[in-house]
């Protein structure tokens, strides 16, 4: 299947289990449609961009500024910006549709897993049982630009998350309670839908820029 670019295995309710992590080995994959099956869990953690098998640090400058004395030995790893800050995982994937399954993972984990895929433009997550909220920390990946002492305000390098995302559908996930206050930091995002979730609070002005 190494040469298959469009993988459509959907509308088979007897397909069960989790999404195979091995799908990340298929670099030529352009579109992946696993919708309307009976898959459980979340997205494979192997899809997360890594550097030397270490994951991104997700957070903001405020996060690093609040490290205390007990964090003296904390080590923060970050993908090397010198390789143009693009993920090598599923580099050709443009469309991902896992709607209408039984995925019950944390929405935060799901979003962090796919947020750095270099060419991902369309994501369908509707009709699942995804849980929890999203904050700005979930859509901002960063690291100190240089070593710093605890208590100092570090210089931060950010990586662009969702660099090509134009469409995101979260409909019918009643366990989803919050979207990021400042938007998804996806400059190309044109379609965002979160119908029939359980979101509360005010709509931040940044969403008016979508």
N, C-alpha and C. Protein backbone atom coordinates (compact mmCIF):
# COMPACT_ATOMS: atom_id res chain seq x y z
N UNK A 1 0.81 -1.22 0.00
CA UNK A 1 0.00 0.00 0.00
C UNK A 1 0.84 1.26 0.00
N UNK A 2 2.14 1.13 -0.16
CA UNK A 2 3.02 2.29 -0.05
C UNK A 2 2.72 3.35 -1.10
N UNK A 3 2.19 2.94 -2.26
CA UNK A 3 1.94 3.90 -3.33
C UNK A 3 0.51 4.45 -3.33
N UNK A 4 -0.34 3.98 -2.42
CA UNK A 4 -1.73 4.44 -2.36
C UNK A 4 -1.78 5.85 -1.78
N UNK A 5 -2.35 6.77 -2.55
CA UNK A 5 -2.42 8.16 -2.11
C UNK A 5 -3.75 8.49 -1.43
N UNK A 6 -4.82 7.82 -1.83
CA UNK A 6 -6.14 8.10 -1.27
C UNK A 6 -6.67 6.81 -0.64
N UNK A 7 -6.81 6.82 0.67
CA UNK A 7 -7.18 5.62 1.43
C UNK A 7 -8.57 5.85 2.01
N UNK A 8 -9.57 5.25 1.39
CA UNK A 8 -10.96 5.43 1.82
C UNK A 8 -11.51 4.10 2.32
N UNK A 9 -11.61 3.95 3.62
CA UNK A 9 -12.23 2.77 4.24
C UNK A 9 -13.23 3.31 5.24
N UNK A 10 -14.42 3.65 4.74
CA UNK A 10 -15.42 4.30 5.58
C UNK A 10 -16.77 3.60 5.43
N UNK A 11 -17.69 3.96 6.32
CA UNK A 11 -19.06 3.44 6.29
C UNK A 11 -19.10 1.93 6.45
N UNK A 12 -18.24 1.45 7.35
CA UNK A 12 -18.22 0.03 7.69
C UNK A 12 -18.33 -0.09 9.21
N UNK A 13 -19.54 -0.09 9.75
CA UNK A 13 -19.71 -0.04 11.21
C UNK A 13 -19.15 -1.24 11.95
N UNK A 14 -18.78 -2.29 11.23
CA UNK A 14 -18.19 -3.45 11.90
C UNK A 14 -16.67 -3.34 12.02
N UNK A 15 -16.09 -2.28 11.48
CA UNK A 15 -14.66 -2.05 11.68
C UNK A 15 -14.46 -1.46 13.06
N UNK A 16 -13.70 -2.15 13.88
CA UNK A 16 -13.53 -1.76 15.28
C UNK A 16 -12.04 -1.56 15.60
N UNK A 17 -11.76 -1.26 16.85
CA UNK A 17 -10.38 -1.09 17.29
C UNK A 17 -9.92 0.35 17.17
N UNK A 18 -8.62 0.56 17.22
CA UNK A 18 -8.04 1.90 17.16
C UNK A 18 -7.43 2.14 15.79
N UNK A 19 -7.14 3.40 15.50
CA UNK A 19 -6.51 3.76 14.24
C UNK A 19 -5.05 3.29 14.26
N UNK A 20 -4.62 2.53 13.28
CA UNK A 20 -3.25 1.98 13.29
C UNK A 20 -2.19 3.08 13.22
N UNK A 21 -1.24 3.02 14.12
CA UNK A 21 -0.14 4.00 14.10
C UNK A 21 0.71 3.83 12.85
N UNK A 22 0.71 2.63 12.28
CA UNK A 22 1.55 2.36 11.11
C UNK A 22 1.16 3.19 9.89
N UNK A 23 -0.01 3.80 9.90
CA UNK A 23 -0.39 4.65 8.78
C UNK A 23 0.57 5.82 8.60
N UNK A 24 1.27 6.17 9.65
CA UNK A 24 2.23 7.28 9.54
C UNK A 24 3.44 6.91 8.71
N UNK A 25 3.62 5.62 8.44
CA UNK A 25 4.76 5.19 7.64
C UNK A 25 4.53 5.39 6.15
N UNK A 26 3.31 5.72 5.77
CA UNK A 26 2.96 5.85 4.36
C UNK A 26 3.07 7.32 3.96
N UNK A 27 4.27 7.71 3.57
CA UNK A 27 4.56 9.12 3.34
C UNK A 27 3.80 9.70 2.16
N UNK A 28 3.32 8.85 1.24
CA UNK A 28 2.67 9.35 0.04
C UNK A 28 1.18 9.60 0.25
N UNK A 29 0.66 9.28 1.42
CA UNK A 29 -0.77 9.41 1.66
C UNK A 29 -1.22 10.87 1.56
N UNK A 30 -2.21 11.13 0.69
CA UNK A 30 -2.74 12.47 0.50
C UNK A 30 -4.05 12.65 1.25
N UNK A 31 -4.91 11.64 1.21
CA UNK A 31 -6.19 11.73 1.93
C UNK A 31 -6.47 10.42 2.64
N UNK A 32 -7.03 10.55 3.84
CA UNK A 32 -7.34 9.39 4.68
C UNK A 32 -8.75 9.55 5.21
N UNK A 33 -9.64 8.64 4.81
CA UNK A 33 -11.04 8.70 5.22
C UNK A 33 -11.41 7.41 5.94
N UNK A 34 -11.56 7.51 7.25
CA UNK A 34 -11.95 6.38 8.09
C UNK A 34 -13.28 6.67 8.78
N UNK A 35 -14.09 7.50 8.18
CA UNK A 35 -15.33 7.93 8.80
C UNK A 35 -16.39 6.84 8.82
N UNK A 36 -17.33 6.99 9.74
CA UNK A 36 -18.51 6.11 9.84
C UNK A 36 -18.14 4.65 10.01
N UNK A 37 -17.13 4.41 10.83
CA UNK A 37 -16.80 3.06 11.28
C UNK A 37 -17.10 2.99 12.77
N UNK A 38 -16.48 2.09 13.49
CA UNK A 38 -16.70 1.99 14.94
C UNK A 38 -15.37 2.04 15.67
N UNK A 39 -14.49 2.93 15.22
CA UNK A 39 -13.17 3.06 15.81
C UNK A 39 -13.25 3.75 17.17
N UNK A 40 -12.34 3.40 18.05
CA UNK A 40 -12.31 3.96 19.40
C UNK A 40 -10.95 4.61 19.66
N UNK A 41 -10.81 5.22 20.82
CA UNK A 41 -9.54 5.83 21.21
C UNK A 41 -9.37 7.22 20.65
N UNK A 42 -8.18 7.50 20.17
CA UNK A 42 -7.88 8.81 19.60
C UNK A 42 -7.05 8.64 18.34
N UNK A 43 -6.24 9.65 18.03
CA UNK A 43 -5.32 9.55 16.90
C UNK A 43 -4.00 8.99 17.40
N UNK A 44 -3.28 8.25 16.57
CA UNK A 44 -2.01 7.65 17.02
C UNK A 44 -1.02 8.72 17.47
N UNK A 45 -0.44 8.53 18.64
CA UNK A 45 0.55 9.49 19.14
C UNK A 45 1.78 9.52 18.24
N UNK A 46 1.97 8.46 17.45
CA UNK A 46 3.12 8.42 16.54
C UNK A 46 3.02 9.50 15.48
N UNK A 47 1.81 10.04 15.28
CA UNK A 47 1.64 11.11 14.29
C UNK A 47 2.17 12.44 14.80
N UNK A 48 2.46 12.53 16.08
CA UNK A 48 2.98 13.78 16.64
C UNK A 48 4.40 14.01 16.14
N UNK A 49 4.69 15.25 15.77
CA UNK A 49 6.03 15.60 15.34
C UNK A 49 6.98 15.51 16.52
N UNK A 50 8.17 14.98 16.28
CA UNK A 50 9.13 14.80 17.36
C UNK A 50 10.53 15.17 16.92
N UNK A 51 11.38 15.36 17.86
CA UNK A 51 12.81 15.53 17.63
C UNK A 51 13.52 14.55 18.55
N UNK A 52 14.20 13.59 17.94
CA UNK A 52 14.89 12.56 18.74
C UNK A 52 13.92 11.88 19.71
N UNK A 53 12.72 11.58 19.21
CA UNK A 53 11.69 10.87 19.97
C UNK A 53 11.17 11.67 21.16
N UNK A 54 11.39 12.97 21.15
CA UNK A 54 10.87 13.82 22.23
C UNK A 54 9.82 14.75 21.63
N UNK A 55 8.72 14.94 22.33
CA UNK A 55 7.61 15.71 21.78
C UNK A 55 7.81 17.21 21.95
N UNK A 56 6.95 17.95 21.24
CA UNK A 56 6.93 19.39 21.41
C UNK A 56 6.64 19.78 22.84
N UNK A 57 7.03 20.97 23.17
CA UNK A 57 6.50 21.63 24.35
C UNK A 57 5.37 22.52 23.87
N UNK A 58 4.18 22.31 24.40
CA UNK A 58 3.05 23.16 24.06
C UNK A 58 2.84 24.15 25.18
N UNK A 59 2.70 25.41 24.84
CA UNK A 59 2.48 26.39 25.88
C UNK A 59 2.74 27.80 25.40
N UNK A 60 2.88 28.70 26.32
CA UNK A 60 3.09 30.11 26.00
C UNK A 60 4.22 30.64 26.86
N UNK A 61 4.58 31.88 26.63
CA UNK A 61 5.63 32.49 27.43
C UNK A 61 5.26 32.49 28.91
N UNK A 62 3.96 32.66 29.19
CA UNK A 62 3.52 32.66 30.58
C UNK A 62 3.81 31.31 31.24
N UNK A 63 3.69 30.23 30.45
CA UNK A 63 3.95 28.90 31.01
C UNK A 63 5.39 28.81 31.49
N UNK A 64 6.32 29.23 30.66
CA UNK A 64 7.73 29.12 31.04
C UNK A 64 8.07 30.07 32.18
N UNK A 65 7.37 31.19 32.24
CA UNK A 65 7.66 32.17 33.28
C UNK A 65 7.19 31.71 34.66
N UNK A 66 6.32 30.72 34.71
CA UNK A 66 5.79 30.27 35.99
C UNK A 66 6.53 29.04 36.53
N UNK A 67 7.59 28.62 35.87
CA UNK A 67 8.38 27.51 36.41
C UNK A 67 8.98 27.93 37.75
N UNK A 68 8.90 27.05 38.72
CA UNK A 68 9.39 27.36 40.05
C UNK A 68 10.69 26.65 40.37
N UNK A 69 11.18 26.82 41.61
CA UNK A 69 12.43 26.18 42.02
C UNK A 69 12.41 24.66 41.85
N UNK A 70 11.22 24.08 41.98
CA UNK A 70 11.14 22.63 41.83
C UNK A 70 11.36 22.19 40.39
N UNK A 71 11.40 23.15 39.47
CA UNK A 71 11.59 22.84 38.05
C UNK A 71 13.01 23.11 37.58
N UNK A 72 13.95 23.21 38.51
CA UNK A 72 15.32 23.55 38.15
C UNK A 72 15.90 22.60 37.11
N UNK A 73 15.49 21.35 37.17
CA UNK A 73 16.07 20.35 36.27
C UNK A 73 15.18 20.03 35.08
N UNK A 74 14.17 20.87 34.84
CA UNK A 74 13.26 20.60 33.74
C UNK A 74 14.03 20.74 32.42
N UNK A 75 13.78 19.81 31.52
CA UNK A 75 14.39 19.84 30.19
C UNK A 75 13.29 19.98 29.16
N UNK A 76 13.41 20.98 28.31
CA UNK A 76 12.39 21.26 27.31
C UNK A 76 12.98 21.03 25.92
N UNK A 77 12.32 20.20 25.15
CA UNK A 77 12.80 19.86 23.82
C UNK A 77 11.92 20.48 22.75
N UNK A 78 12.49 20.70 21.58
CA UNK A 78 11.77 21.39 20.53
C UNK A 78 12.33 20.98 19.18
N UNK A 79 11.48 20.84 18.18
CA UNK A 79 11.95 20.49 16.85
C UNK A 79 12.83 21.62 16.29
N UNK A 80 13.87 21.23 15.61
CA UNK A 80 14.86 22.17 15.12
C UNK A 80 14.28 23.08 14.04
N UNK A 81 14.20 24.36 14.31
CA UNK A 81 13.63 25.31 13.34
C UNK A 81 14.48 25.40 12.08
N UNK A 82 15.71 24.96 12.13
CA UNK A 82 16.58 25.09 10.96
C UNK A 82 16.11 24.23 9.80
N UNK A 83 15.26 23.25 10.07
CA UNK A 83 14.72 22.50 8.94
C UNK A 83 13.34 23.02 8.57
N UNK A 84 13.24 24.33 8.52
CA UNK A 84 12.10 25.07 8.01
C UNK A 84 10.81 24.80 8.78
N UNK A 85 10.93 24.30 9.99
CA UNK A 85 9.79 24.17 10.89
C UNK A 85 8.60 23.44 10.27
N UNK A 86 8.87 22.38 9.53
CA UNK A 86 7.78 21.56 9.01
C UNK A 86 7.97 20.13 9.48
N UNK A 87 6.87 19.48 9.74
CA UNK A 87 6.90 18.12 10.25
C UNK A 87 7.26 17.13 9.15
N UNK A 88 7.96 16.07 9.53
CA UNK A 88 8.28 15.00 8.58
C UNK A 88 7.27 13.86 8.67
N UNK A 89 6.28 13.98 9.56
CA UNK A 89 5.26 12.97 9.72
C UNK A 89 4.14 13.22 8.70
N UNK A 90 3.73 12.16 7.97
CA UNK A 90 2.66 12.28 6.98
C UNK A 90 2.79 13.58 6.18
N UNK A 91 3.92 13.78 5.52
CA UNK A 91 4.20 15.08 4.90
C UNK A 91 3.26 15.46 3.77
N UNK A 92 2.60 14.47 3.14
CA UNK A 92 1.72 14.77 2.01
C UNK A 92 0.24 14.79 2.39
N UNK A 93 -0.09 14.46 3.63
CA UNK A 93 -1.49 14.35 4.02
C UNK A 93 -2.18 15.70 3.97
N UNK A 94 -3.25 15.78 3.17
CA UNK A 94 -4.01 17.00 3.00
C UNK A 94 -5.37 16.91 3.70
N UNK A 95 -5.99 15.73 3.65
CA UNK A 95 -7.34 15.58 4.19
C UNK A 95 -7.42 14.39 5.14
N UNK A 96 -7.98 14.63 6.32
CA UNK A 96 -8.18 13.59 7.33
C UNK A 96 -9.63 13.62 7.78
N UNK A 97 -10.33 12.50 7.63
CA UNK A 97 -11.73 12.43 8.04
C UNK A 97 -11.93 11.20 8.91
N UNK A 98 -12.18 11.42 10.19
CA UNK A 98 -12.46 10.32 11.12
C UNK A 98 -13.81 10.56 11.79
N UNK A 99 -14.70 11.26 11.09
CA UNK A 99 -16.01 11.60 11.65
C UNK A 99 -16.86 10.35 11.85
N UNK A 100 -17.81 10.46 12.78
CA UNK A 100 -18.82 9.42 13.01
C UNK A 100 -18.22 8.06 13.36
N UNK A 101 -17.32 8.10 14.32
CA UNK A 101 -16.79 6.89 14.94
C UNK A 101 -17.14 6.95 16.43
N UNK A 102 -16.38 6.23 17.24
CA UNK A 102 -16.58 6.26 18.69
C UNK A 102 -15.31 6.75 19.39
N UNK A 103 -14.59 7.66 18.74
CA UNK A 103 -13.37 8.17 19.34
C UNK A 103 -13.70 8.93 20.61
N UNK A 104 -13.06 8.56 21.71
CA UNK A 104 -13.38 9.15 23.01
C UNK A 104 -12.21 9.79 23.69
N UNK A 105 -11.18 10.13 22.95
CA UNK A 105 -9.97 10.71 23.53
C UNK A 105 -10.18 12.16 23.92
N UNK A 106 -9.19 12.72 24.58
CA UNK A 106 -9.17 14.14 24.90
C UNK A 106 -9.02 14.94 23.60
N UNK A 107 -9.86 15.95 23.42
CA UNK A 107 -9.74 16.80 22.24
C UNK A 107 -8.38 17.49 22.21
N UNK A 108 -7.87 17.83 23.37
CA UNK A 108 -6.55 18.44 23.46
C UNK A 108 -5.49 17.54 22.84
N UNK A 109 -5.52 16.25 23.20
CA UNK A 109 -4.53 15.31 22.66
C UNK A 109 -4.67 15.17 21.15
N UNK A 110 -5.91 15.11 20.67
CA UNK A 110 -6.15 14.94 19.24
C UNK A 110 -5.60 16.15 18.47
N UNK A 111 -5.90 17.34 18.94
CA UNK A 111 -5.46 18.55 18.25
C UNK A 111 -3.94 18.68 18.27
N UNK A 112 -3.33 18.39 19.41
CA UNK A 112 -1.86 18.47 19.47
C UNK A 112 -1.21 17.47 18.53
N UNK A 113 -1.83 16.32 18.37
CA UNK A 113 -1.27 15.28 17.51
C UNK A 113 -1.18 15.73 16.06
N UNK A 114 -2.19 16.45 15.58
CA UNK A 114 -2.22 16.81 14.16
C UNK A 114 -1.82 18.25 13.87
N UNK A 115 -1.57 19.05 14.89
CA UNK A 115 -1.41 20.49 14.70
C UNK A 115 -0.17 20.87 13.91
N UNK A 116 0.80 19.98 13.80
CA UNK A 116 2.02 20.33 13.09
C UNK A 116 2.20 19.58 11.78
N UNK A 117 1.17 18.85 11.34
CA UNK A 117 1.27 18.18 10.04
C UNK A 117 1.37 19.25 8.95
N UNK A 118 2.38 19.13 8.12
CA UNK A 118 2.80 20.25 7.27
C UNK A 118 1.77 20.69 6.24
N UNK A 119 1.01 19.75 5.66
CA UNK A 119 0.12 20.10 4.56
C UNK A 119 -1.35 19.81 4.85
N UNK A 120 -1.67 19.50 6.10
CA UNK A 120 -3.04 19.15 6.44
C UNK A 120 -3.96 20.35 6.25
N UNK A 121 -4.97 20.20 5.37
CA UNK A 121 -5.85 21.31 5.04
C UNK A 121 -7.28 21.10 5.51
N UNK A 122 -7.71 19.85 5.65
CA UNK A 122 -9.10 19.58 6.01
C UNK A 122 -9.16 18.47 7.06
N UNK A 123 -9.89 18.73 8.17
CA UNK A 123 -9.99 17.77 9.26
C UNK A 123 -11.45 17.60 9.65
N UNK A 124 -11.93 16.36 9.64
CA UNK A 124 -13.28 16.05 10.07
C UNK A 124 -13.28 15.21 11.32
N UNK A 125 -13.74 15.78 12.43
CA UNK A 125 -13.76 15.08 13.72
C UNK A 125 -15.17 14.95 14.28
N UNK A 126 -16.17 15.30 13.51
CA UNK A 126 -17.54 15.36 14.02
C UNK A 126 -18.10 13.98 14.35
N UNK A 127 -19.15 13.98 15.17
CA UNK A 127 -19.87 12.75 15.46
C UNK A 127 -19.09 11.72 16.25
N UNK A 128 -18.23 12.19 17.15
CA UNK A 128 -17.48 11.29 18.03
C UNK A 128 -17.80 11.60 19.49
N UNK A 129 -16.99 11.09 20.38
CA UNK A 129 -17.17 11.35 21.81
C UNK A 129 -15.94 12.02 22.39
N UNK A 130 -15.32 12.92 21.60
CA UNK A 130 -14.15 13.63 22.07
C UNK A 130 -14.51 14.47 23.29
N UNK A 131 -13.54 14.59 24.21
CA UNK A 131 -13.83 15.18 25.52
C UNK A 131 -12.93 16.37 25.82
N UNK A 132 -13.48 17.30 26.62
CA UNK A 132 -12.66 18.35 27.21
C UNK A 132 -12.64 19.63 26.42
N UNK A 133 -11.71 20.50 26.80
CA UNK A 133 -11.64 21.82 26.18
C UNK A 133 -10.31 22.04 25.50
N UNK A 134 -10.28 23.08 24.70
CA UNK A 134 -9.04 23.52 24.06
C UNK A 134 -8.70 24.90 24.58
N UNK A 135 -7.43 25.14 24.85
CA UNK A 135 -6.97 26.46 25.23
C UNK A 135 -5.87 26.88 24.25
N UNK A 136 -5.36 28.09 24.42
CA UNK A 136 -4.30 28.58 23.55
C UNK A 136 -3.05 27.72 23.66
N UNK A 137 -2.88 27.03 24.79
CA UNK A 137 -1.69 26.18 24.92
C UNK A 137 -1.73 24.99 23.98
N UNK A 138 -2.93 24.57 23.61
CA UNK A 138 -3.06 23.41 22.74
C UNK A 138 -2.71 23.72 21.29
N UNK A 139 -2.75 24.97 20.92
CA UNK A 139 -2.51 25.32 19.52
C UNK A 139 -1.27 26.19 19.35
N UNK A 140 -0.42 26.24 20.38
CA UNK A 140 0.82 26.98 20.29
C UNK A 140 1.95 26.09 20.78
N UNK A 141 2.88 25.78 19.91
CA UNK A 141 4.03 24.96 20.29
C UNK A 141 5.25 25.85 20.34
N UNK A 142 6.01 25.75 21.42
CA UNK A 142 7.12 26.68 21.57
C UNK A 142 8.19 26.10 22.48
N UNK A 143 9.27 26.83 22.59
CA UNK A 143 10.39 26.44 23.42
C UNK A 143 11.21 27.67 23.80
N UNK A 144 11.96 27.62 24.87
CA UNK A 144 12.90 28.71 25.11
C UNK A 144 13.91 28.78 23.97
N UNK A 145 14.23 29.99 23.50
CA UNK A 145 15.18 30.15 22.42
C UNK A 145 16.61 29.90 22.90
N UNK A 146 16.81 29.99 24.19
CA UNK A 146 18.13 29.76 24.76
C UNK A 146 17.95 29.34 26.22
N UNK A 147 18.98 28.75 26.82
CA UNK A 147 18.85 28.35 28.23
C UNK A 147 18.51 29.55 29.10
N UNK A 148 17.73 29.31 30.14
CA UNK A 148 17.37 30.40 31.04
C UNK A 148 17.28 29.86 32.46
N UNK A 149 17.39 30.78 33.40
CA UNK A 149 17.28 30.42 34.79
C UNK A 149 15.83 30.53 35.23
N UNK A 150 15.43 29.63 36.12
CA UNK A 150 14.08 29.69 36.64
C UNK A 150 13.85 31.03 37.31
N UNK A 151 12.73 31.67 37.01
CA UNK A 151 12.42 32.98 37.54
C UNK A 151 12.63 34.08 36.51
N UNK A 152 13.44 33.80 35.47
CA UNK A 152 13.63 34.76 34.41
C UNK A 152 12.54 34.59 33.36
N UNK A 153 12.28 35.65 32.60
CA UNK A 153 11.35 35.56 31.49
C UNK A 153 12.14 35.16 30.25
N UNK A 154 11.91 33.97 29.74
CA UNK A 154 12.75 33.48 28.64
C UNK A 154 12.35 34.07 27.29
N UNK A 155 13.28 34.03 26.37
CA UNK A 155 12.97 34.35 24.98
C UNK A 155 12.37 33.09 24.35
N UNK A 156 11.29 33.26 23.59
CA UNK A 156 10.51 32.12 23.11
C UNK A 156 10.57 32.02 21.59
N UNK A 157 10.70 30.80 21.09
CA UNK A 157 10.55 30.53 19.67
C UNK A 157 9.23 29.78 19.49
N UNK A 158 8.39 30.24 18.59
CA UNK A 158 7.13 29.57 18.30
C UNK A 158 7.21 28.85 16.96
N UNK A 159 6.51 27.75 16.86
CA UNK A 159 6.37 27.08 15.58
C UNK A 159 4.94 27.29 15.09
N UNK A 160 4.78 27.45 13.80
CA UNK A 160 3.44 27.62 13.25
C UNK A 160 2.66 26.31 13.36
N UNK A 161 1.55 26.33 14.06
CA UNK A 161 0.68 25.16 14.10
C UNK A 161 -0.40 25.32 13.03
N UNK A 162 -0.88 24.19 12.54
CA UNK A 162 -1.87 24.18 11.45
C UNK A 162 -1.46 25.12 10.31
N UNK A 163 -0.28 24.91 9.72
CA UNK A 163 0.21 25.85 8.70
C UNK A 163 -0.64 25.91 7.44
N UNK A 164 -1.42 24.84 7.13
CA UNK A 164 -2.21 24.84 5.89
C UNK A 164 -3.70 24.62 6.16
N UNK A 165 -4.12 24.55 7.41
CA UNK A 165 -5.49 24.18 7.72
C UNK A 165 -6.49 25.20 7.20
N UNK A 166 -7.46 24.72 6.41
CA UNK A 166 -8.51 25.59 5.90
C UNK A 166 -9.89 25.19 6.37
N UNK A 167 -10.06 23.94 6.83
CA UNK A 167 -11.40 23.45 7.22
C UNK A 167 -11.26 22.54 8.45
N UNK A 168 -12.04 22.83 9.49
CA UNK A 168 -12.06 22.02 10.70
C UNK A 168 -13.49 21.86 11.17
N UNK A 169 -13.94 20.60 11.30
CA UNK A 169 -15.31 20.31 11.70
C UNK A 169 -15.30 19.49 12.99
N UNK A 170 -15.93 20.04 14.04
CA UNK A 170 -15.99 19.40 15.35
C UNK A 170 -17.43 19.08 15.77
N UNK A 171 -18.37 19.17 14.86
CA UNK A 171 -19.78 19.03 15.19
C UNK A 171 -20.10 17.75 15.97
N UNK A 172 -21.15 17.84 16.81
CA UNK A 172 -21.71 16.66 17.47
C UNK A 172 -20.70 15.90 18.31
N UNK A 173 -19.92 16.65 19.07
CA UNK A 173 -19.08 16.10 20.13
C UNK A 173 -19.54 16.72 21.44
N UNK A 174 -20.55 16.15 22.09
CA UNK A 174 -21.14 16.79 23.28
C UNK A 174 -20.19 16.94 24.45
N UNK A 175 -19.05 16.24 24.41
CA UNK A 175 -18.09 16.37 25.50
C UNK A 175 -17.12 17.52 25.32
N UNK A 176 -17.18 18.20 24.17
CA UNK A 176 -16.30 19.34 23.91
C UNK A 176 -16.89 20.58 24.56
N UNK A 177 -16.13 21.24 25.42
CA UNK A 177 -16.67 22.32 26.24
C UNK A 177 -16.08 23.70 25.97
N UNK A 178 -14.97 23.76 25.25
CA UNK A 178 -14.34 25.07 25.05
C UNK A 178 -13.42 25.04 23.83
N UNK A 179 -13.41 26.16 23.08
CA UNK A 179 -12.46 26.35 22.00
C UNK A 179 -11.37 27.31 22.46
N UNK A 180 -10.22 27.33 21.80
CA UNK A 180 -9.15 28.24 22.23
C UNK A 180 -9.62 29.70 22.24
N UNK A 181 -9.30 30.40 23.32
CA UNK A 181 -9.77 31.77 23.47
C UNK A 181 -9.33 32.66 22.32
N UNK A 182 -8.13 32.44 21.82
CA UNK A 182 -7.55 33.32 20.80
C UNK A 182 -7.59 32.70 19.41
N UNK A 183 -8.46 31.74 19.20
CA UNK A 183 -8.55 31.12 17.89
C UNK A 183 -7.55 29.99 17.73
N UNK A 184 -7.45 29.47 16.53
CA UNK A 184 -6.60 28.31 16.27
C UNK A 184 -5.24 28.68 15.69
N UNK A 185 -4.94 29.94 15.57
CA UNK A 185 -3.66 30.37 15.03
C UNK A 185 -3.43 29.78 13.64
N UNK A 186 -4.50 29.50 12.93
CA UNK A 186 -4.41 28.93 11.58
C UNK A 186 -4.77 30.03 10.60
N UNK A 187 -3.78 30.61 9.97
CA UNK A 187 -3.99 31.79 9.14
C UNK A 187 -4.85 31.50 7.92
N UNK A 188 -4.88 30.25 7.46
CA UNK A 188 -5.63 29.91 6.25
C UNK A 188 -7.01 29.35 6.55
N UNK A 189 -7.38 29.27 7.82
CA UNK A 189 -8.65 28.66 8.19
C UNK A 189 -9.83 29.47 7.64
N UNK A 190 -10.68 28.80 6.86
CA UNK A 190 -11.84 29.44 6.26
C UNK A 190 -13.17 28.85 6.74
N UNK A 191 -13.13 27.62 7.25
CA UNK A 191 -14.37 26.97 7.67
C UNK A 191 -14.14 26.31 9.01
N UNK A 192 -14.87 26.76 10.02
CA UNK A 192 -14.81 26.19 11.37
C UNK A 192 -16.23 25.93 11.84
N UNK A 193 -16.52 24.68 12.18
CA UNK A 193 -17.86 24.33 12.64
C UNK A 193 -17.78 23.52 13.93
N UNK A 194 -18.56 23.95 14.92
CA UNK A 194 -18.61 23.25 16.20
C UNK A 194 -20.05 23.20 16.68
N UNK A 195 -20.94 22.71 15.82
CA UNK A 195 -22.36 22.59 16.16
C UNK A 195 -22.57 21.46 17.16
N UNK A 196 -23.59 21.61 18.00
CA UNK A 196 -24.04 20.55 18.90
C UNK A 196 -22.91 20.00 19.77
N UNK A 197 -22.05 20.89 20.23
CA UNK A 197 -21.09 20.54 21.26
C UNK A 197 -21.65 21.08 22.58
N UNK A 198 -20.83 21.30 23.56
CA UNK A 198 -21.31 21.81 24.84
C UNK A 198 -20.48 23.02 25.25
N UNK A 199 -20.22 23.88 24.27
CA UNK A 199 -19.36 25.04 24.46
C UNK A 199 -20.13 26.16 25.16
N UNK A 200 -19.45 26.83 26.09
CA UNK A 200 -20.07 27.93 26.82
C UNK A 200 -19.11 29.11 26.87
N UNK A 201 -19.61 30.25 27.34
CA UNK A 201 -18.78 31.44 27.46
C UNK A 201 -18.93 32.36 26.27
N UNK A 202 -18.11 33.41 26.26
CA UNK A 202 -18.17 34.41 25.20
C UNK A 202 -17.37 33.98 23.98
N UNK A 203 -17.75 34.51 22.82
CA UNK A 203 -16.99 34.30 21.60
C UNK A 203 -15.93 35.41 21.51
N UNK A 204 -14.67 35.00 21.53
CA UNK A 204 -13.60 35.98 21.51
C UNK A 204 -13.53 36.68 20.16
N UNK A 205 -13.10 37.95 20.18
CA UNK A 205 -13.06 38.74 18.95
C UNK A 205 -12.14 38.14 17.89
N UNK A 206 -11.15 37.34 18.30
CA UNK A 206 -10.25 36.75 17.32
C UNK A 206 -10.99 35.81 16.36
N UNK A 207 -12.13 35.26 16.80
CA UNK A 207 -12.88 34.39 15.91
C UNK A 207 -13.56 35.17 14.80
N UNK A 208 -13.70 36.44 14.98
CA UNK A 208 -14.29 37.26 13.93
C UNK A 208 -13.35 37.46 12.77
N UNK A 209 -12.10 37.08 12.96
CA UNK A 209 -11.10 37.20 11.89
C UNK A 209 -11.08 35.98 10.99
N UNK A 210 -11.80 34.91 11.37
CA UNK A 210 -11.80 33.68 10.59
C UNK A 210 -12.46 33.93 9.24
